[in-house]
C-alpha atoms as a PDB file:
ATOM      1  CA  MET A   1      92.069  31.677  91.554  1.00  0.00           C
ATOM      2  CA  ASP A   2      91.132  34.630  93.762  1.00  0.00           C
ATOM      3  CA  GLN A   3      94.417  34.278  95.645  1.00  0.00           C
ATOM      4  CA  LEU A   4      96.388  34.529  92.420  1.00  0.00           C
ATOM      5  CA  ALA A   5      94.427  37.620  91.374  1.00  0.00           C
ATOM      6  CA  ALA A   6      95.181  39.195  94.771  1.00  0.00           C
ATOM      7  CA  LEU A   7      98.927  38.603  94.381  1.00  0.00           C
ATOM      8  CA  LEU A   8      99.154  39.801  90.770  1.00  0.00           C
ATOM      9  CA  PRO A   9      99.423  43.564  91.504  1.00  0.00           C
ATOM     10  CA  SER A  10     102.182  42.996  94.063  1.00  0.00           C
ATOM     11  CA  ALA A  11     104.083  40.689  91.722  1.00  0.00           C
ATOM     12  CA  GLY A  12     103.760  43.254  88.930  1.00  0.00           C
ATOM     13  CA  LEU A  13     105.135  46.027  91.134  1.00  0.00           C
ATOM     14  CA  ALA A  14     107.996  43.791  92.286  1.00  0.00           C
ATOM     15  CA  LEU A  15     108.884  43.034  88.657  1.00  0.00           C
ATOM     16  CA  LEU A  16     108.719  46.733  87.770  1.00  0.00           C
ATOM     17  CA  PHE A  17     110.997  47.571  90.723  1.00  0.00           C
ATOM     18  CA  VAL A  18     113.549  44.910  89.721  1.00  0.00           C
ATOM     19  CA  LEU A  19     113.624  46.145  86.116  1.00  0.00           C
ATOM     20  CA  LEU A  20     113.995  49.752  87.235  1.00  0.00           C
ATOM     21  CA  MET A  21     116.870  48.979  89.607  1.00  0.00           C
ATOM     22  CA  ARG A  22     118.558  46.844  86.952  1.00  0.00           C
ATOM     23  CA  SER A  23     118.428  49.679  84.426  1.00  0.00           C
ATOM     24  CA  ILE A  24     119.809  52.155  86.998  1.00  0.00           C
ATOM     25  CA  LEU A  25     122.703  49.852  87.857  1.00  0.00           C
ATOM     26  CA  HIS A  26     123.514  49.200  84.186  1.00  0.00           C
ATOM     27  CA  ALA A  27     123.441  52.933  83.423  1.00  0.00           C
ATOM     28  CA  ASP A  28     125.802  53.578  86.344  1.00  0.00           C
ATOM     29  CA  ARG A  29     128.171  50.881  85.115  1.00  0.00           C
ATOM     30  CA  ARG A  30     128.187  52.354  81.595  1.00  0.00           C
ATOM     31  CA  GLU A  31     128.765  55.860  82.953  1.00  0.00           C
ATOM     32  CA  ARG A  32     131.716  54.709  85.063  1.00  0.00           C
ATOM     33  CA  ALA A  33     133.243  52.910  82.064  1.00  0.00           C
ATOM     34  CA  ALA A  34     132.843  56.020  79.904  1.00  0.00           C
ATOM     35  CA  GLU A  35     134.461  58.129  82.630  1.00  0.00           C
ATOM     36  CA  ARG A  36     137.428  55.722  82.791  1.00  0.00           C
ATOM     37  CA  ARG A  37     137.825  55.849  79.001  1.00  0.00           C
ATOM     38  CA  ALA A  38     137.652  59.657  78.996  1.00  0.00           C
ATOM     39  CA  ARG A  39     140.277  59.889  81.754  1.00  0.00           C
ATOM     40  CA  ALA A  40     142.542  57.445  79.911  1.00  0.00           C
ATOM     41  CA  GLU A  41     142.296  59.468  76.681  1.00  0.00           C
ATOM     42  CA  ARG A  42     143.066  62.774  78.425  1.00  0.00           C
ATOM     43  CA  PRO A  43     146.799  63.459  78.327  1.00  0.00           C
ATOM     44  CA  GLY A  44     148.551  63.991  81.634  1.00  0.00           C
ATOM     45  CA  THR A  45     145.918  62.422  83.848  1.00  0.00           C
ATOM     46  CA  ALA A  46     146.183  58.984  85.309  1.00  0.00           C
ATOM     47  CA  PRO A  47     143.201  56.929  86.362  1.00  0.00           C
ATOM     48  CA  ARG A  48     142.409  57.145  90.041  1.00  0.00           C
ATOM     49  CA  PRO A  49     143.383  54.137  92.169  1.00  0.00           C
ATOM     50  CA  GLY A  50     140.523  51.688  92.302  1.00  0.00           C
ATOM     51  CA  GLY A  51     138.412  53.914  90.096  1.00  0.00           C
ATOM     52  CA  VAL A  52     136.863  55.493  93.187  1.00  0.00           C
ATOM     53  CA  PRO A  53     136.069  59.194  92.802  1.00  0.00           C
ATOM     54  CA  GLY A  54     137.711  61.371  95.416  1.00  0.00           C
ATOM     55  CA  GLU A  55     140.701  59.129  96.008  1.00  0.00           C
ATOM     56  CA  GLY A  56     144.143  59.673  94.564  1.00  0.00           C
ATOM     57  CA  PRO A  57     145.985  62.857  93.638  1.00  0.00           C
ATOM     58  CA  ALA A  58     144.101  66.002  92.758  1.00  0.00           C
ATOM     59  CA  GLU A  59     144.090  67.241  89.166  1.00  0.00           C
ATOM     60  CA  ASN A  60     146.944  69.687  89.863  1.00  0.00           C
ATOM     61  CA  GLY A  61     149.094  66.978  91.463  1.00  0.00           C
ATOM     62  CA  ARG A  62     148.676  68.272  95.014  1.00  0.00           C
ATOM     63  CA  THR A  63     146.687  66.692  97.784  1.00  0.00           C
ATOM     64  CA  ASP A  64     145.226  68.248 100.902  1.00  0.00           C
ATOM     65  CA  ARG A  65     146.153  65.209 102.950  1.00  0.00           C
ATOM     66  CA  PRO A  66     149.531  65.051 104.684  1.00  0.00           C
ATOM     67  CA  SER A  67     151.803  62.267 103.516  1.00  0.00           C
END
């Protein structure tokens, strides 16, 4: 019984960590989905390839990278 009591604080912290990381990942997923919806609703802007920020044409249609 003493061994279980010794492991309880560590198990509680591990559970808290897992729940915290899960909520962060879900919030990130929801934010990315909202960003995709907002970009799709905006006229004249196409979604970026792969949905990765920083890739694809700039907002004004020009890129700094040579073709």
